[in-house]
Amino acid sequence: MPSESVDSRQRMVLVTGMLGAGKTTALHELEDLGWEAIDNFPIRLLQRLIDGETGQHPLAIGFDCRTRGFVPADTIERVARLAARGDIVVTTLFLDCAGHELERRFNETRRRHFLAQDMPVAAGIAAERELLEPLRRWADVLVDTTNFTTNDLKVRMRELFAATAPQEMTVTISSFGFSRGMPPAADLVFDMRFLDNPHWVQGLREQTGLDEPVAAFIQRDPAFAGAHERISDLLLELLPLYAAKGKSYVNIAFGCTGGRHRSVFVAERMARVLREAGFSPTVLHRNLSSRSAEMLEGRQKS
């Protein structure tokens, strides 16, 4: 576990590199991870920006040869002074790419290279590479995107920075009634209608899955324990995989007929399992306050 002194320091990632190498994608991914991202920020104002921060929001600063007042030697000097301070943690990321691939990307998008002017794009790339060489040698992290797709770069950014990301994946667990419609935003849906229905038990109909008598009734169903264990194991396996792939939100829904008994109880129990495993799920019960209705519940099994 990091110490409090490390946690309290202002974290900053400087993202630079060759035009067309993926800076915008890298910044967007850092933003999704919880960094406050600013692109094309004048480095000469970096000191003022840092002094105005409280350390609560990690910063991702993007700059390149188009940034106003860009001089690699001055940038290195300014950042080195900041890195020497005890209250700041600075990481410099340089995105590189082979010239032939950069040419292909510029030709594909029909963009003019900033340094090419009326010259071929290859000339602009060569001039830029010479200009940025000091920054490339000095950077803490070098990522070559020559053979990367956009998704490959996103994955690489998460490999580098997800471990220290300030924002965790958001997990929502909800209950609902199938008779009142499917939840539109659910990623995973589990149907609890195989369990015995408390609606048909005297004294339980007007109660809900939050009440102990209903909970005890559902847990007595021979099908409950095995199904609960298997669903728990599945979720505990899937959630870390979703997080590794960069999924920011996961919505897990449990349904029963009316959305007041079985789905409510199982959603609460599953939330407890996930909390014990280190997750912080939000629990929502869509139809908990809906009126109990026999026409929705269907016929009682004989």
C-alpha atoms as a PDB file:
ATOM      1  CA  MET A   1       0.000   0.000   0.000  1.00  0.00           C
ATOM      2  CA  PRO A   2       1.353   3.493  -0.836  1.00  0.00           C
ATOM      3  CA  SER A   3       2.103   5.781   2.059  1.00  0.00           C
ATOM      4  CA  GLU A   4       0.008   8.826   2.837  1.00  0.00           C
ATOM      5  CA  SER A   5       2.837  11.091   1.721  1.00  0.00           C
ATOM      6  CA  VAL A   6       2.806   9.525  -1.734  1.00  0.00           C
ATOM      7  CA  ASP A   7      -0.981   9.675  -1.946  1.00  0.00           C
ATOM      8  CA  SER A   8      -1.018  13.352  -1.073  1.00  0.00           C
ATOM      9  CA  ARG A   9       1.415  14.365  -3.794  1.00  0.00           C
ATOM     10  CA  GLN A  10       0.146  15.926  -7.018  1.00  0.00           C
ATOM     11  CA  ARG A  11       0.349  13.342  -9.785  1.00  0.00           C
ATOM     12  CA  MET A  12       0.972  14.489 -13.335  1.00  0.00           C
ATOM     13  CA  VAL A  13       1.446  12.667 -16.636  1.00  0.00           C
ATOM     14  CA  LEU A  14       2.957  14.625 -19.526  1.00  0.00           C
ATOM     15  CA  VAL A  15       1.952  13.134 -22.890  1.00  0.00           C
ATOM     16  CA  THR A  16       3.904  14.132 -25.973  1.00  0.00           C
ATOM     17  CA  GLY A  17       5.350  12.582 -29.122  1.00  0.00           C
ATOM     18  CA  MET A  18       5.016  12.516 -32.871  1.00  0.00           C
ATOM     19  CA  LEU A  19       1.924  13.987 -34.501  1.00  0.00           C
ATOM     20  CA  GLY A  20      -0.346  11.118 -35.497  1.00  0.00           C
ATOM     21  CA  ALA A  21       1.164   8.711 -32.955  1.00  0.00           C
ATOM     22  CA  GLY A  22      -1.950   8.662 -30.753  1.00  0.00           C
ATOM     23  CA  LYS A  23      -1.713  11.516 -28.223  1.00  0.00           C
ATOM     24  CA  THR A  24      -5.441  12.285 -28.362  1.00  0.00           C
ATOM     25  CA  THR A  25      -6.341   8.639 -27.791  1.00  0.00           C
ATOM     26  CA  ALA A  26      -3.890   8.406 -24.889  1.00  0.00           C
ATOM     27  CA  LEU A  27      -5.325  11.515 -23.235  1.00  0.00           C
ATOM     28  CA  HIS A  28      -8.903  10.295 -23.655  1.00  0.00           C
ATOM     29  CA  GLU A  29      -7.994   6.996 -22.006  1.00  0.00           C
ATOM     30  CA  LEU A  30      -6.286   8.755 -19.110  1.00  0.00           C
ATOM     31  CA  GLU A  31      -9.402  10.900 -18.742  1.00  0.00           C
ATOM     32  CA  ASP A  32     -11.524   7.739 -18.557  1.00  0.00           C
ATOM     33  CA  LEU A  33      -9.180   6.499 -15.823  1.00  0.00           C
ATOM     34  CA  GLY A  34      -9.848   9.622 -13.780  1.00  0.00           C
ATOM     35  CA  TRP A  35      -7.133  12.073 -14.798  1.00  0.00           C
ATOM     36  CA  GLU A  36      -8.064  15.646 -15.611  1.00  0.00           C
ATOM     37  CA  ALA A  37      -6.823  15.913 -19.201  1.00  0.00           C
ATOM     38  CA  ILE A  38      -5.666  19.137 -20.880  1.00  0.00           C
ATOM     39  CA  ASP A  39      -4.334  19.098 -24.442  1.00  0.00           C
ATOM     40  CA  ASN A  40      -1.985  21.565 -26.143  1.00  0.00           C
ATOM     41  CA  PHE A  41      -1.202  23.242 -22.838  1.00  0.00           C
ATOM     42  CA  PRO A  42       1.617  25.865 -22.923  1.00  0.00           C
ATOM     43  CA  ILE A  43       4.426  24.373 -20.863  1.00  0.00           C
ATOM     44  CA  ARG A  44       5.541  27.813 -19.704  1.00  0.00           C
ATOM     45  CA  LEU A  45       2.291  27.976 -17.685  1.00  0.00           C
ATOM     46  CA  LEU A  46       2.798  24.575 -16.068  1.00  0.00           C
ATOM     47  CA  GLN A  47       4.256  25.992 -12.854  1.00  0.00           C
ATOM     48  CA  ARG A  48       1.251  28.283 -12.411  1.00  0.00           C
ATOM     49  CA  LEU A  49      -1.171  25.424 -13.061  1.00  0.00           C
ATOM     50  CA  ILE A  50       0.511  23.151 -10.507  1.00  0.00           C
ATOM     51  CA  ASP A  51       0.650  25.829  -7.835  1.00  0.00           C
ATOM     52  CA  GLY A  52      -3.095  26.319  -8.204  1.00  0.00           C
ATOM     53  CA  GLU A  53      -3.851  22.627  -7.669  1.00  0.00           C
ATOM     54  CA  THR A  54      -4.550  20.870  -4.362  1.00  0.00           C
ATOM     55  CA  GLY A  55      -3.376  17.414  -5.366  1.00  0.00           C
ATOM     56  CA  GLN A  56      -6.882  15.959  -5.406  1.00  0.00           C
ATOM     57  CA  HIS A  57      -7.089  15.679  -9.192  1.00  0.00           C
ATOM     58  CA  PRO A  58      -4.263  13.970 -11.107  1.00  0.00           C
ATOM     59  CA  LEU A  59      -3.368  15.879 -14.265  1.00  0.00           C
ATOM     60  CA  ALA A  60      -2.672  14.586 -17.784  1.00  0.00           C
ATOM     61  CA  ILE A  61      -1.058  17.328 -19.876  1.00  0.00           C
ATOM     62  CA  GLY A  62      -0.726  16.925 -23.635  1.00  0.00           C
ATOM     63  CA  PHE A  63       1.662  18.964 -25.775  1.00  0.00           C
ATOM     64  CA  ASP A  64       3.531  18.610 -29.063  1.00  0.00           C
ATOM     65  CA  CYS A  65       5.327  20.664 -31.701  1.00  0.00           C
ATOM     66  CA  ARG A  66       2.134  22.666 -32.356  1.00  0.00           C
ATOM     67  CA  THR A  67       1.865  23.880 -28.760  1.00  0.00           C
ATOM     68  CA  ARG A  68       2.504  27.592 -28.358  1.00  0.00           C
ATOM     69  CA  GLY A  69       6.052  28.374 -27.223  1.00  0.00           C
ATOM     70  CA  PHE A  70       7.197  24.768 -27.652  1.00  0.00           C
ATOM     71  CA  VAL A  71      10.972  24.392 -27.177  1.00  0.00           C
ATOM     72  CA  PRO A  72      12.120  20.875 -26.150  1.00  0.00           C
ATOM     73  CA  ALA A  73      15.129  22.051 -24.118  1.00  0.00           C
ATOM     74  CA  ASP A  74      13.034  24.554 -22.160  1.00  0.00           C
ATOM     75  CA  THR A  75      10.364  21.903 -21.582  1.00  0.00           C
ATOM     76  CA  ILE A  76      12.883  19.460 -20.150  1.00  0.00           C
ATOM     77  CA  GLU A  77      14.315  22.141 -17.850  1.00  0.00           C
ATOM     78  CA  ARG A  78      10.904  23.234 -16.557  1.00  0.00           C
ATOM     79  CA  VAL A  79       9.669  19.698 -15.958  1.00  0.00           C
ATOM     80  CA  ALA A  80      12.947  18.698 -14.264  1.00  0.00           C
ATOM     81  CA  ARG A  81      12.488  21.555 -11.786  1.00  0.00           C
ATOM     82  CA  LEU A  82       8.941  20.424 -11.047  1.00  0.00           C
ATOM     83  CA  ALA A  83      10.001  16.792 -10.657  1.00  0.00           C
ATOM     84  CA  ALA A  84      12.584  17.839  -8.058  1.00  0.00           C
ATOM     85  CA  ARG A  85       9.825  19.147  -5.795  1.00  0.00           C
ATOM     86  CA  GLY A  86       8.686  16.849  -3.022  1.00  0.00           C
ATOM     87  CA  ASP A  87       4.989  17.489  -3.559  1.00  0.00           C
ATOM     88  CA  ILE A  88       4.771  16.386  -7.231  1.00  0.00           C
ATOM     89  CA  VAL A  89       5.106  13.054  -9.045  1.00  0.00           C
ATOM     90  CA  VAL A  90       5.776  13.584 -12.767  1.00  0.00           C
ATOM     91  CA  THR A  91       5.791  10.921 -15.494  1.00  0.00           C
ATOM     92  CA  THR A  92       6.639  11.823 -19.090  1.00  0.00           C
ATOM     93  CA  LEU A  93       5.173   9.614 -21.819  1.00  0.00           C
ATOM     94  CA  PHE A  94       6.501   9.823 -25.381  1.00  0.00           C
ATOM     95  CA  LEU A  95       4.438   8.303 -28.204  1.00  0.00           C
ATOM     96  CA  ASP A  96       6.533   7.327 -31.202  1.00  0.00           C
ATOM     97  CA  CYS A  97       5.656   5.794 -34.568  1.00  0.00           C
ATOM     98  CA  ALA A  98       7.568   4.776 -37.684  1.00  0.00           C
ATOM     99  CA  GLY A  99       7.694   7.354 -40.475  1.00  0.00           C
ATOM    100  CA  HIS A 100       5.999   5.174 -43.094  1.00  0.00           C
ATOM    101  CA  GLU A 101       3.048   4.534 -40.776  1.00  0.00           C
ATOM    102  CA  LEU A 102       2.737   8.230 -39.905  1.00  0.00           C
ATOM    103  CA  GLU A 103       2.703   9.040 -43.642  1.00  0.00           C
ATOM    104  CA  ARG A 104      -0.064   6.504 -44.144  1.00  0.00           C
ATOM    105  CA  ARG A 105      -2.116   7.991 -41.305  1.00  0.00           C
ATOM    106  CA  PHE A 106      -1.708  11.567 -42.572  1.00  0.00           C
ATOM    107  CA  ASN A 107      -2.579  10.549 -46.130  1.00  0.00           C
ATOM    108  CA  GLU A 108      -5.567   8.530 -44.919  1.00  0.00           C
ATOM    109  CA  THR A 109      -6.996  11.456 -42.941  1.00  0.00           C
ATOM    110  CA  ARG A 110      -5.854  14.039 -45.534  1.00  0.00           C
ATOM    111  CA  ARG A 111      -4.394  16.161 -42.783  1.00  0.00           C
ATOM    112  CA  ARG A 112      -1.513  18.532 -43.432  1.00  0.00           C
ATOM    113  CA  HIS A 113       1.528  18.056 -41.227  1.00  0.00           C
ATOM    114  CA  PHE A 114       2.152  21.113 -39.055  1.00  0.00           C
ATOM    115  CA  LEU A 115       5.826  21.345 -40.091  1.00  0.00           C
ATOM    116  CA  ALA A 116       5.384  20.343 -43.715  1.00  0.00           C
ATOM    117  CA  GLN A 117       3.814  23.564 -45.023  1.00  0.00           C
ATOM    118  CA  ASP A 118       4.096  23.184 -48.827  1.00  0.00           C
ATOM    119  CA  MET A 119       6.506  20.250 -48.575  1.00  0.00           C
ATOM    120  CA  PRO A 120       5.677  16.534 -48.689  1.00  0.00           C
ATOM    121  CA  VAL A 121       4.395  15.074 -45.429  1.00  0.00           C
ATOM    122  CA  ALA A 122       7.583  12.994 -45.121  1.00  0.00           C
ATOM    123  CA  ALA A 123       9.624  16.180 -44.848  1.00  0.00           C
ATOM    124  CA  GLY A 124       7.455  17.457 -42.004  1.00  0.00           C
ATOM    125  CA  ILE A 125       7.751  14.136 -40.167  1.00  0.00           C
ATOM    126  CA  ALA A 126      11.535  14.186 -40.523  1.00  0.00           C
ATOM    127  CA  ALA A 127      11.756  17.755 -39.205  1.00  0.00           C
ATOM    128  CA  GLU A 128       9.495  16.910 -36.289  1.00  0.00           C
ATOM    129  CA  ARG A 129      11.498  13.803 -35.390  1.00  0.00           C
ATOM    130  CA  GLU A 130      14.712  15.849 -35.268  1.00  0.00           C
ATOM    131  CA  LEU A 131      13.032  18.516 -33.133  1.00  0.00           C
ATOM    132  CA  LEU A 132      11.611  15.997 -30.637  1.00  0.00           C
ATOM    133  CA  GLU A 133      14.653  13.741 -30.305  1.00  0.00           C
ATOM    134  CA  PRO A 134      15.796  15.333 -26.991  1.00  0.00           C
ATOM    135  CA  LEU A 135      12.334  14.751 -25.506  1.00  0.00           C
ATOM    136  CA  ARG A 136      12.271  11.186 -26.788  1.00  0.00           C
ATOM    137  CA  ARG A 137      15.604  10.367 -25.131  1.00  0.00           C
ATOM    138  CA  TRP A 138      14.552  12.065 -21.887  1.00  0.00           C
ATOM    139  CA  ALA A 139      11.026  10.636 -21.489  1.00  0.00           C
ATOM    140  CA  ASP A 140      10.303   8.161 -18.679  1.00  0.00           C
ATOM    141  CA  VAL A 141       8.087   5.939 -20.835  1.00  0.00           C
ATOM    142  CA  LEU A 142       8.314   5.316 -24.588  1.00  0.00           C
ATOM    143  CA  VAL A 143       5.423   3.676 -26.449  1.00  0.00           C
ATOM    144  CA  ASP A 144       5.826   2.819 -30.144  1.00  0.00           C
ATOM    145  CA  THR A 145       2.396   2.773 -31.803  1.00  0.00           C
ATOM    146  CA  THR A 146       3.545   1.728 -35.272  1.00  0.00           C
ATOM    147  CA  ASN A 147       1.673  -1.565 -35.184  1.00  0.00           C
ATOM    148  CA  PHE A 148      -1.042  -0.462 -32.752  1.00  0.00           C
ATOM    149  CA  THR A 149      -4.724  -0.133 -33.417  1.00  0.00           C
ATOM    150  CA  THR A 150      -6.600   2.482 -31.395  1.00  0.00           C
ATOM    151  CA  ASN A 151      -7.752  -0.270 -29.056  1.00  0.00           C
ATOM    152  CA  ASP A 152      -4.186  -1.553 -28.661  1.00  0.00           C
ATOM    153  CA  LEU A 153      -3.092   1.880 -27.462  1.00  0.00           C
ATOM    154  CA  LYS A 154      -6.007   2.066 -25.011  1.00  0.00           C
ATOM    155  CA  VAL A 155      -5.039  -1.314 -23.568  1.00  0.00           C
ATOM    156  CA  ARG A 156      -1.396  -0.235 -23.281  1.00  0.00           C
ATOM    157  CA  MET A 157      -2.389   2.949 -21.453  1.00  0.00           C
ATOM    158  CA  ARG A 158      -4.369   0.914 -18.963  1.00  0.00           C
ATOM    159  CA  GLU A 159      -1.451  -1.462 -18.494  1.00  0.00           C
ATOM    160  CA  LEU A 160       0.744   1.523 -17.658  1.00  0.00           C
ATOM    161  CA  PHE A 161      -1.616   3.647 -15.565  1.00  0.00           C
ATOM    162  CA  ALA A 162      -4.664   1.667 -14.394  1.00  0.00           C
ATOM    163  CA  ALA A 163      -2.893   0.464 -11.237  1.00  0.00           C
ATOM    164  CA  THR A 164      -2.662   4.065 -10.008  1.00  0.00           C
ATOM    165  CA  ALA A 165      -5.948   5.225 -11.516  1.00  0.00           C
ATOM    166  CA  PRO A 166      -7.978   7.372  -9.137  1.00  0.00           C
ATOM    167  CA  GLN A 167     -11.308   6.139 -10.457  1.00  0.00           C
ATOM    168  CA  GLU A 168     -12.550   2.562 -10.094  1.00  0.00           C
ATOM    169  CA  MET A 169     -15.062   0.763 -12.259  1.00  0.00           C
ATOM    170  CA  THR A 170     -18.634   1.594 -11.237  1.00  0.00           C
ATOM    171  CA  VAL A 171     -20.749  -1.489 -10.455  1.00  0.00           C
ATOM    172  CA  THR A 172     -24.538  -1.245 -10.170  1.00  0.00           C
ATOM    173  CA  ILE A 173     -26.752  -4.099  -9.013  1.00  0.00           C
ATOM    174  CA  SER A 174     -30.469  -3.753  -9.620  1.00  0.00           C
ATOM    175  CA  SER A 175     -33.643  -5.757  -9.165  1.00  0.00           C
ATOM    176  CA  PHE A 176     -36.613  -5.595 -11.527  1.00  0.00           C
ATOM    177  CA  GLY A 177     -39.833  -7.323 -12.529  1.00  0.00           C
ATOM    178  CA  PHE A 178     -40.003  -9.003 -15.930  1.00  0.00           C
ATOM    179  CA  SER A 179     -43.724  -8.248 -16.030  1.00  0.00           C
ATOM    180  CA  ARG A 180     -42.882  -4.540 -15.983  1.00  0.00           C
ATOM    181  CA  GLY A 181     -40.261  -4.657 -18.712  1.00  0.00           C
ATOM    182  CA  MET A 182     -36.583  -5.475 -19.073  1.00  0.00           C
ATOM    183  CA  PRO A 183     -33.956  -2.976 -17.820  1.00  0.00           C
ATOM    184  CA  PRO A 184     -32.552  -1.294 -20.945  1.00  0.00           C
ATOM    185  CA  ALA A 185     -28.978  -0.704 -19.720  1.00  0.00           C
ATOM    186  CA  ALA A 186     -28.153  -4.048 -18.092  1.00  0.00           C
ATOM    187  CA  ASP A 187     -24.897  -5.769 -19.053  1.00  0.00           C
ATOM    188  CA  LEU A 188     -25.715  -9.009 -17.224  1.00  0.00           C
ATOM    189  CA  VAL A 189     -29.261 -10.227 -16.496  1.00  0.00           C
ATOM    190  CA  PHE A 190     -30.094 -13.140 -14.190  1.00  0.00           C
ATOM    191  CA  ASP A 191     -33.614 -14.600 -14.085  1.00  0.00           C
ATOM    192  CA  MET A 192     -34.630 -15.620 -10.542  1.00  0.00           C
ATOM    193  CA  ARG A 193     -38.048 -16.980 -11.500  1.00  0.00           C
ATOM    194  CA  PHE A 194     -36.839 -20.584 -10.964  1.00  0.00           C
ATOM    195  CA  LEU A 195     -37.027 -19.933  -7.202  1.00  0.00           C
ATOM    196  CA  ASP A 196     -40.218 -20.482  -5.204  1.00  0.00           C
ATOM    197  CA  ASN A 197     -42.373 -17.348  -5.287  1.00  0.00           C
ATOM    198  CA  PRO A 198     -43.158 -15.727  -1.872  1.00  0.00           C
ATOM    199  CA  HIS A 199     -46.093 -13.926  -3.493  1.00  0.00           C
ATOM    200  CA  TRP A 200     -48.204 -17.043  -3.065  1.00  0.00           C
ATOM    201  CA  VAL A 201     -47.385 -17.540   0.618  1.00  0.00           C
ATOM    202  CA  GLN A 202     -49.809 -16.238   3.221  1.00  0.00           C
ATOM    203  CA  GLY A 203     -48.252 -13.310   5.094  1.00  0.00           C
ATOM    204  CA  LEU A 204     -45.367 -12.798   2.639  1.00  0.00           C
ATOM    205  CA  ARG A 205     -47.184 -11.229  -0.305  1.00  0.00           C
ATOM    206  CA  GLU A 206     -47.195  -7.684   1.074  1.00  0.00           C
ATOM    207  CA  GLN A 207     -43.625  -7.971   2.323  1.00  0.00           C
ATOM    208  CA  THR A 208     -40.525  -7.633   0.109  1.00  0.00           C
ATOM    209  CA  GLY A 209     -37.123  -9.176  -0.391  1.00  0.00           C
ATOM    210  CA  LEU A 210     -35.783  -6.778   2.242  1.00  0.00           C
ATOM    211  CA  ASP A 211     -37.844  -8.460   4.970  1.00  0.00           C
ATOM    212  CA  GLU A 212     -36.408 -11.361   6.950  1.00  0.00           C
ATOM    213  CA  PRO A 213     -39.397 -13.755   6.546  1.00  0.00           C
ATOM    214  CA  VAL A 214     -39.144 -13.423   2.750  1.00  0.00           C
ATOM    215  CA  ALA A 215     -35.368 -13.900   2.884  1.00  0.00           C
ATOM    216  CA  ALA A 216     -35.754 -17.045   4.994  1.00  0.00           C
ATOM    217  CA  PHE A 217     -38.381 -18.448   2.603  1.00  0.00           C
ATOM    218  CA  ILE A 218     -36.165 -17.935  -0.463  1.00  0.00           C
ATOM    219  CA  GLN A 219     -33.108 -19.422   1.219  1.00  0.00           C
ATOM    220  CA  ARG A 220     -35.059 -22.581   2.067  1.00  0.00           C
ATOM    221  CA  ASP A 221     -35.564 -23.258  -1.643  1.00  0.00           C
ATOM    222  CA  PRO A 222     -33.215 -26.177  -2.518  1.00  0.00           C
ATOM    223  CA  ALA A 223     -32.277 -24.398  -5.757  1.00  0.00           C
ATOM    224  CA  PHE A 224     -31.092 -21.223  -4.059  1.00  0.00           C
ATOM    225  CA  ALA A 225     -27.712 -22.110  -2.538  1.00  0.00           C
ATOM    226  CA  GLY A 226     -26.168 -23.711  -5.613  1.00  0.00           C
ATOM    227  CA  ALA A 227     -27.397 -21.018  -7.989  1.00  0.00           C
ATOM    228  CA  HIS A 228     -26.241 -18.228  -5.675  1.00  0.00           C
ATOM    229  CA  GLU A 229     -22.770 -19.759  -5.401  1.00  0.00           C
ATOM    230  CA  ARG A 230     -22.390 -20.196  -9.156  1.00  0.00           C
ATOM    231  CA  ILE A 231     -23.572 -16.652  -9.955  1.00  0.00           C
ATOM    232  CA  SER A 232     -21.250 -15.256  -7.280  1.00  0.00           C
ATOM    233  CA  ASP A 233     -18.282 -17.129  -8.718  1.00  0.00           C
ATOM    234  CA  LEU A 234     -19.146 -15.940 -12.221  1.00  0.00           C
ATOM    235  CA  LEU A 235     -19.366 -12.274 -11.199  1.00  0.00           C
ATOM    236  CA  LEU A 236     -16.136 -12.431  -9.201  1.00  0.00           C
ATOM    237  CA  GLU A 237     -14.422 -13.828 -12.287  1.00  0.00           C
ATOM    238  CA  LEU A 238     -15.959 -11.422 -14.803  1.00  0.00           C
ATOM    239  CA  LEU A 239     -15.673  -8.084 -12.991  1.00  0.00           C
ATOM    240  CA  PRO A 240     -11.843  -7.987 -12.908  1.00  0.00           C
ATOM    241  CA  LEU A 241     -11.824  -8.948 -16.593  1.00  0.00           C
ATOM    242  CA  TYR A 242     -14.192  -6.099 -17.428  1.00  0.00           C
ATOM    243  CA  ALA A 243     -11.986  -3.703 -15.464  1.00  0.00           C
ATOM    244  CA  ALA A 244      -8.869  -4.908 -17.304  1.00  0.00           C
ATOM    245  CA  LYS A 245     -10.561  -4.183 -20.633  1.00  0.00           C
ATOM    246  CA  GLY A 246     -11.354  -0.632 -19.569  1.00  0.00           C
ATOM    247  CA  LYS A 247     -15.076  -0.970 -18.942  1.00  0.00           C
ATOM    248  CA  SER A 248     -16.085   1.980 -16.739  1.00  0.00           C
ATOM    249  CA  TYR A 249     -19.599   0.833 -15.833  1.00  0.00           C
ATOM    250  CA  VAL A 250     -21.074  -2.615 -15.246  1.00  0.00           C
ATOM    251  CA  ASN A 251     -24.815  -2.985 -14.617  1.00  0.00           C
ATOM    252  CA  ILE A 252     -25.948  -6.325 -13.172  1.00  0.00           C
ATOM    253  CA  ALA A 253     -29.695  -6.964 -13.020  1.00  0.00           C
ATOM    254  CA  PHE A 254     -31.662  -9.648 -11.181  1.00  0.00           C
ATOM    255  CA  GLY A 255     -35.232 -10.196 -12.289  1.00  0.00           C
ATOM    256  CA  CYS A 256     -38.292 -12.011 -10.992  1.00  0.00           C
ATOM    257  CA  THR A 257     -41.928 -11.713 -11.985  1.00  0.00           C
ATOM    258  CA  GLY A 258     -42.996  -8.597 -10.107  1.00  0.00           C
ATOM    259  CA  GLY A 259     -39.622  -7.278  -8.938  1.00  0.00           C
ATOM    260  CA  ARG A 260     -40.517  -7.190  -5.223  1.00  0.00           C
ATOM    261  CA  HIS A 261     -39.363 -10.464  -3.637  1.00  0.00           C
ATOM    262  CA  ARG A 262     -36.854 -12.877  -5.186  1.00  0.00           C
ATOM    263  CA  SER A 263     -34.919 -10.370  -7.315  1.00  0.00           C
ATOM    264  CA  VAL A 264     -34.694  -7.876  -4.429  1.00  0.00           C
ATOM    265  CA  PHE A 265     -33.343 -10.447  -2.001  1.00  0.00           C
ATOM    266  CA  VAL A 266     -30.788 -11.887  -4.436  1.00  0.00           C
ATOM    267  CA  ALA A 267     -29.605  -8.417  -5.488  1.00  0.00           C
ATOM    268  CA  GLU A 268     -28.965  -7.510  -1.838  1.00  0.00           C
ATOM    269  CA  ARG A 269     -27.160 -10.772  -1.154  1.00  0.00           C
ATOM    270  CA  MET A 270     -25.002 -10.397  -4.258  1.00  0.00           C
ATOM    271  CA  ALA A 271     -24.084  -6.837  -3.323  1.00  0.00           C
ATOM    272  CA  ARG A 272     -22.874  -8.152   0.040  1.00  0.00           C
ATOM    273  CA  VAL A 273     -20.692 -10.739  -1.728  1.00  0.00           C
ATOM    274  CA  LEU A 274     -19.134  -8.103  -3.976  1.00  0.00           C
ATOM    275  CA  ARG A 275     -18.475  -5.737  -1.055  1.00  0.00           C
ATOM    276  CA  GLU A 276     -16.659  -8.520   0.785  1.00  0.00           C
ATOM    277  CA  ALA A 277     -14.549  -9.003  -2.357  1.00  0.00           C
ATOM    278  CA  GLY A 278     -13.519  -5.333  -2.408  1.00  0.00           C
ATOM    279  CA  PHE A 279     -16.049  -3.847  -4.828  1.00  0.00           C
ATOM    280  CA  SER A 280     -18.392  -0.959  -3.978  1.00  0.00           C
ATOM    281  CA  PRO A 281     -21.653  -1.705  -5.784  1.00  0.00           C
ATOM    282  CA  THR A 282     -24.642   0.607  -5.865  1.00  0.00           C
ATOM    283  CA  VAL A 283     -27.942  -1.203  -5.312  1.00  0.00           C
ATOM    284  CA  LEU A 284     -31.181  -0.098  -7.007  1.00  0.00           C
ATOM    285  CA  HIS A 285     -34.622  -1.725  -6.714  1.00  0.00           C
ATOM    286  CA  ARG A 286     -36.698  -0.595  -9.682  1.00  0.00           C
ATOM    287  CA  ASN A 287     -40.054  -2.114  -8.773  1.00  0.00           C
ATOM    288  CA  LEU A 288     -39.811  -2.457  -5.004  1.00  0.00           C
ATOM    289  CA  SER A 289     -42.614   0.050  -4.435  1.00  0.00           C
ATOM    290  CA  SER A 290     -44.835  -1.341  -7.181  1.00  0.00           C
ATOM    291  CA  ARG A 291     -48.214  -2.718  -6.142  1.00  0.00           C
ATOM    292  CA  SER A 292     -48.389  -6.483  -5.737  1.00  0.00           C
ATOM    293  CA  ALA A 293     -50.709  -7.904  -8.388  1.00  0.00           C
ATOM    294  CA  GLU A 294     -51.761 -11.494  -8.995  1.00  0.00           C
ATOM    295  CA  MET A 295     -52.322 -10.848 -12.694  1.00  0.00           C
ATOM    296  CA  LEU A 296     -48.617  -9.980 -12.993  1.00  0.00           C
ATOM    297  CA  GLU A 297     -47.440 -12.924 -10.909  1.00  0.00           C
ATOM    298  CA  GLY A 298     -49.300 -15.500 -12.979  1.00  0.00           C
ATOM    299  CA  ARG A 299     -50.904 -18.655 -11.686  1.00  0.00           C
ATOM    300  CA  GLN A 300     -49.802 -20.369  -8.505  1.00  0.00           C
ATOM    301  CA  LYS A 301     -48.200 -23.743  -9.069  1.00  0.00           C
ATOM    302  CA  SER A 302     -50.223 -26.594  -7.610  1.00  0.00           C
END
